Amino acid sequence: MTARFVVLYDTPSDVEAFERHYNDVHIPLAKQIPGLTFRGLIMQLEEVPR
């Protein structure tokens, strides 16, 4: 069985702090999930009109 996760965030007020926290906290936590394969990361950091 395959499951896919898509996570969307609003543009952070401090992009560098967001990326640091994501890489230092979220990625290591995700790597602890048994059977998880990480295929990639796409980041769009420009403002998208609503």
PDB file of N, CA and C in Angstrom:
ATOM      1  N   MET A   1       0.842  -1.176   0.000  1.00  0.00           N
ATOM      2  CA  MET A   1       0.000   0.000   0.000  1.00  0.00           C
ATOM      3  C   MET A   1       0.887   1.239   0.000  1.00  0.00           C
ATOM      4  N   THR A   2       0.552   2.190  -0.824  1.00  0.00           N
ATOM      5  CA  THR A   2       1.318   3.426  -0.921  1.00  0.00           C
ATOM      6  C   THR A   2       0.480   4.590  -0.419  1.00  0.00           C
ATOM      7  N   ALA A   3       1.086   5.440   0.347  1.00  0.00           N
ATOM      8  CA  ALA A   3       0.441   6.667   0.803  1.00  0.00           C
ATOM      9  C   ALA A   3       1.345   7.823   0.418  1.00  0.00           C
ATOM     10  N   ARG A   4       0.741   8.926   0.037  1.00  0.00           N
ATOM     11  CA  ARG A   4       1.511  10.124  -0.308  1.00  0.00           C
ATOM     12  C   ARG A   4       1.073  11.265   0.590  1.00  0.00           C
ATOM     13  N   PHE A   5       2.034  12.070   0.936  1.00  0.00           N
ATOM     14  CA  PHE A   5       1.754  13.227   1.774  1.00  0.00           C
ATOM     15  C   PHE A   5       2.185  14.486   1.046  1.00  0.00           C
ATOM     16  N   VAL A   6       1.324  15.459   1.063  1.00  0.00           N
ATOM     17  CA  VAL A   6       1.642  16.772   0.518  1.00  0.00           C
ATOM     18  C   VAL A   6       1.412  17.764   1.655  1.00  0.00           C
ATOM     19  N   VAL A   7       2.404  18.583   1.917  1.00  0.00           N
ATOM     20  CA  VAL A   7       2.291  19.563   2.992  1.00  0.00           C
ATOM     21  C   VAL A   7       2.465  20.943   2.384  1.00  0.00           C
ATOM     22  N   LEU A   8       1.524  21.827   2.679  1.00  0.00           N
ATOM     23  CA  LEU A   8       1.564  23.193   2.164  1.00  0.00           C
ATOM     24  C   LEU A   8       1.693  24.158   3.334  1.00  0.00           C
ATOM     25  N   TYR A   9       2.577  25.113   3.192  1.00  0.00           N
ATOM     26  CA  TYR A   9       2.777  26.137   4.206  1.00  0.00           C
ATOM     27  C   TYR A   9       2.610  27.500   3.565  1.00  0.00           C
ATOM     28  N   ASP A  10       2.114  28.461   4.337  1.00  0.00           N
ATOM     29  CA  ASP A  10       2.138  29.848   3.877  1.00  0.00           C
ATOM     30  C   ASP A  10       3.584  30.313   3.871  1.00  0.00           C
ATOM     31  N   THR A  11       3.857  31.391   3.154  1.00  0.00           N
ATOM     32  CA  THR A  11       5.210  31.929   3.119  1.00  0.00           C
ATOM     33  C   THR A  11       5.603  32.373   4.531  1.00  0.00           C
ATOM     34  N   PRO A  12       6.693  31.829   5.067  1.00  0.00           N
ATOM     35  CA  PRO A  12       7.096  32.195   6.425  1.00  0.00           C
ATOM     36  C   PRO A  12       7.658  33.608   6.478  1.00  0.00           C
ATOM     37  N   SER A  13       7.552  34.228   7.637  1.00  0.00           N
ATOM     38  CA  SER A  13       8.105  35.573   7.783  1.00  0.00           C
ATOM     39  C   SER A  13       9.629  35.546   7.782  1.00  0.00           C
ATOM     40  N   ASP A  14      10.208  34.426   8.224  1.00  0.00           N
ATOM     41  CA  ASP A  14      11.663  34.262   8.231  1.00  0.00           C
ATOM     42  C   ASP A  14      11.990  32.968   7.487  1.00  0.00           C
ATOM     43  N   VAL A  15      12.263  33.078   6.210  1.00  0.00           N
ATOM     44  CA  VAL A  15      12.477  31.917   5.348  1.00  0.00           C
ATOM     45  C   VAL A  15      13.671  31.089   5.814  1.00  0.00           C
ATOM     46  N   GLU A  16      14.755  31.736   6.179  1.00  0.00           N
ATOM     47  CA  GLU A  16      15.956  31.007   6.615  1.00  0.00           C
ATOM     48  C   GLU A  16      15.682  30.196   7.881  1.00  0.00           C
ATOM     49  N   ALA A  17      14.972  30.769   8.832  1.00  0.00           N
ATOM     50  CA  ALA A  17      14.646  30.049  10.073  1.00  0.00           C
ATOM     51  C   ALA A  17      13.706  28.881   9.777  1.00  0.00           C
ATOM     52  N   PHE A  18      12.760  29.086   8.880  1.00  0.00           N
ATOM     53  CA  PHE A  18      11.844  28.010   8.493  1.00  0.00           C
ATOM     54  C   PHE A  18      12.612  26.847   7.882  1.00  0.00           C
ATOM     55  N   GLU A  19      13.488  27.141   6.923  1.00  0.00           N
ATOM     56  CA  GLU A  19      14.263  26.089   6.260  1.00  0.00           C
ATOM     57  C   GLU A  19      15.175  25.362   7.243  1.00  0.00           C
ATOM     58  N   ARG A  20      15.790  26.108   8.151  1.00  0.00           N
ATOM     59  CA  ARG A  20      16.673  25.510   9.147  1.00  0.00           C
ATOM     60  C   ARG A  20      15.883  24.554  10.048  1.00  0.00           C
ATOM     61  N   HIS A  21      14.727  25.003  10.527  1.00  0.00           N
ATOM     62  CA  HIS A  21      13.895  24.171  11.394  1.00  0.00           C
ATOM     63  C   HIS A  21      13.388  22.946  10.633  1.00  0.00           C
ATOM     64  N   TYR A  22      12.966  23.132   9.401  1.00  0.00           N
ATOM     65  CA  TYR A  22      12.469  22.026   8.577  1.00  0.00           C
ATOM     66  C   TYR A  22      13.556  20.967   8.398  1.00  0.00           C
ATOM     67  N   ASN A  23      14.750  21.422   8.051  1.00  0.00           N
ATOM     68  CA  ASN A  23      15.858  20.485   7.811  1.00  0.00           C
ATOM     69  C   ASN A  23      16.401  19.869   9.093  1.00  0.00           C
ATOM     70  N   ASP A  24      16.425  20.626  10.169  1.00  0.00           N
ATOM     71  CA  ASP A  24      17.018  20.142  11.422  1.00  0.00           C
ATOM     72  C   ASP A  24      16.043  19.345  12.289  1.00  0.00           C
ATOM     73  N   VAL A  25      14.737  19.580  12.128  1.00  0.00           N
ATOM     74  CA  VAL A  25      13.741  18.928  12.982  1.00  0.00           C
ATOM     75  C   VAL A  25      12.827  17.992  12.182  1.00  0.00           C
ATOM     76  N   HIS A  26      12.155  18.515  11.180  1.00  0.00           N
ATOM     77  CA  HIS A  26      11.143  17.733  10.471  1.00  0.00           C
ATOM     78  C   HIS A  26      11.731  16.571   9.657  1.00  0.00           C
ATOM     79  N   ILE A  27      12.789  16.819   8.918  1.00  0.00           N
ATOM     80  CA  ILE A  27      13.385  15.748   8.113  1.00  0.00           C
ATOM     81  C   ILE A  27      13.902  14.612   9.001  1.00  0.00           C
ATOM     82  N   PRO A  28      14.660  14.888  10.078  1.00  0.00           N
ATOM     83  CA  PRO A  28      15.101  13.784  10.943  1.00  0.00           C
ATOM     84  C   PRO A  28      13.928  13.011  11.570  1.00  0.00           C
ATOM     85  N   LEU A  29      12.850  13.694  11.941  1.00  0.00           N
ATOM     86  CA  LEU A  29      11.686  12.998  12.489  1.00  0.00           C
ATOM     87  C   LEU A  29      11.056  12.095  11.431  1.00  0.00           C
ATOM     88  N   ALA A  30      10.914  12.610  10.217  1.00  0.00           N
ATOM     89  CA  ALA A  30      10.317  11.820   9.135  1.00  0.00           C
ATOM     90  C   ALA A  30      11.161  10.595   8.807  1.00  0.00           C
ATOM     91  N   LYS A  31      12.466  10.720   8.895  1.00  0.00           N
ATOM     92  CA  LYS A  31      13.358   9.593   8.593  1.00  0.00           C
ATOM     93  C   LYS A  31      13.223   8.468   9.613  1.00  0.00           C
ATOM     94  N   GLN A  32      12.608   8.740  10.761  1.00  0.00           N
ATOM     95  CA  GLN A  32      12.398   7.709  11.776  1.00  0.00           C
ATOM     96  C   GLN A  32      11.166   6.853  11.491  1.00  0.00           C
ATOM     97  N   ILE A  33      10.352   7.240  10.534  1.00  0.00           N
ATOM     98  CA  ILE A  33       9.133   6.494  10.208  1.00  0.00           C
ATOM     99  C   ILE A  33       9.519   5.259   9.402  1.00  0.00           C
ATOM    100  N   PRO A  34       9.219   4.065   9.923  1.00  0.00           N
ATOM    101  CA  PRO A  34       9.587   2.835   9.220  1.00  0.00           C
ATOM    102  C   PRO A  34       8.933   2.756   7.838  1.00  0.00           C
ATOM    103  N   GLY A  35       9.730   2.396   6.842  1.00  0.00           N
ATOM    104  CA  GLY A  35       9.214   2.200   5.494  1.00  0.00           C
ATOM    105  C   GLY A  35       9.049   3.461   4.679  1.00  0.00           C
ATOM    106  N   LEU A  36       9.323   4.601   5.269  1.00  0.00           N
ATOM    107  CA  LEU A  36       9.163   5.859   4.540  1.00  0.00           C
ATOM    108  C   LEU A  36      10.282   6.025   3.527  1.00  0.00           C
ATOM    109  N   THR A  37       9.917   6.377   2.317  1.00  0.00           N
ATOM    110  CA  THR A  37      10.911   6.740   1.310  1.00  0.00           C
ATOM    111  C   THR A  37      10.685   8.197   0.962  1.00  0.00           C
ATOM    112  N   PHE A  38      11.748   8.932   0.882  1.00  0.00           N
ATOM    113  CA  PHE A  38      11.676  10.363   0.615  1.00  0.00           C
ATOM    114  C   PHE A  38      12.088  10.598  -0.824  1.00  0.00           C
ATOM    115  N   ARG A  39      11.179  11.117  -1.620  1.00  0.00           N
ATOM    116  CA  ARG A  39      11.437  11.290  -3.045  1.00  0.00           C
ATOM    117  C   ARG A  39      11.923  12.689  -3.414  1.00  0.00           C
ATOM    118  N   GLY A  40      11.647  13.661  -2.601  1.00  0.00           N
ATOM    119  CA  GLY A  40      12.114  14.992  -2.954  1.00  0.00           C
ATOM    120  C   GLY A  40      11.339  16.082  -2.243  1.00  0.00           C
ATOM    121  N   LEU A  41      11.753  17.262  -2.505  1.00  0.00           N
ATOM    122  CA  LEU A  41      11.193  18.444  -1.869  1.00  0.00           C
ATOM    123  C   LEU A  41      11.077  19.530  -2.915  1.00  0.00           C
ATOM    124  N   ILE A  42       9.916  20.121  -3.012  1.00  0.00           N
ATOM    125  CA  ILE A  42       9.712  21.240  -3.929  1.00  0.00           C
ATOM    126  C   ILE A  42       9.312  22.434  -3.081  1.00  0.00           C
ATOM    127  N   MET A  43      10.037  23.513  -3.235  1.00  0.00           N
ATOM    128  CA  MET A  43       9.709  24.719  -2.482  1.00  0.00           C
ATOM    129  C   MET A  43       9.445  25.858  -3.447  1.00  0.00           C
ATOM    130  N   GLN A  44       8.343  26.522  -3.257  1.00  0.00           N
ATOM    131  CA  GLN A  44       8.026  27.717  -4.026  1.00  0.00           C
ATOM    132  C   GLN A  44       7.923  28.840  -3.013  1.00  0.00           C
ATOM    133  N   LEU A  45       8.879  29.726  -3.031  1.00  0.00           N
ATOM    134  CA  LEU A  45       8.956  30.746  -1.998  1.00  0.00           C
ATOM    135  C   LEU A  45       8.505  32.118  -2.467  1.00  0.00           C
ATOM    136  N   GLU A  46       7.896  32.158  -3.627  1.00  0.00           N
ATOM    137  CA  GLU A  46       7.382  33.438  -4.086  1.00  0.00           C
ATOM    138  C   GLU A  46       5.901  33.536  -3.745  1.00  0.00           C
ATOM    139  N   GLU A  47       5.418  34.715  -3.634  1.00  0.00           N
ATOM    140  CA  GLU A  47       4.013  34.938  -3.297  1.00  0.00           C
ATOM    141  C   GLU A  47       3.138  34.535  -4.485  1.00  0.00           C
ATOM    142  N   VAL A  48       2.101  33.771  -4.205  1.00  0.00           N
ATOM    143  CA  VAL A  48       1.170  33.329  -5.247  1.00  0.00           C
ATOM    144  C   VAL A  48      -0.108  34.135  -5.108  1.00  0.00           C
ATOM    145  N   PRO A  49      -0.569  34.764  -6.192  1.00  0.00           N
ATOM    146  CA  PRO A  49      -1.820  35.537  -6.104  1.00  0.00           C
ATOM    147  C   PRO A  49      -2.995  34.641  -5.697  1.00  0.00           C
ATOM    148  N   ARG A  50      -3.853  35.165  -4.870  1.00  0.00           N
ATOM    149  CA  ARG A  50      -5.025  34.380  -4.425  1.00  0.00           C
ATOM    150  C   ARG A  50      -6.269  34.884  -5.090  1.00  0.00           C
TER     151      ARG A  50
END
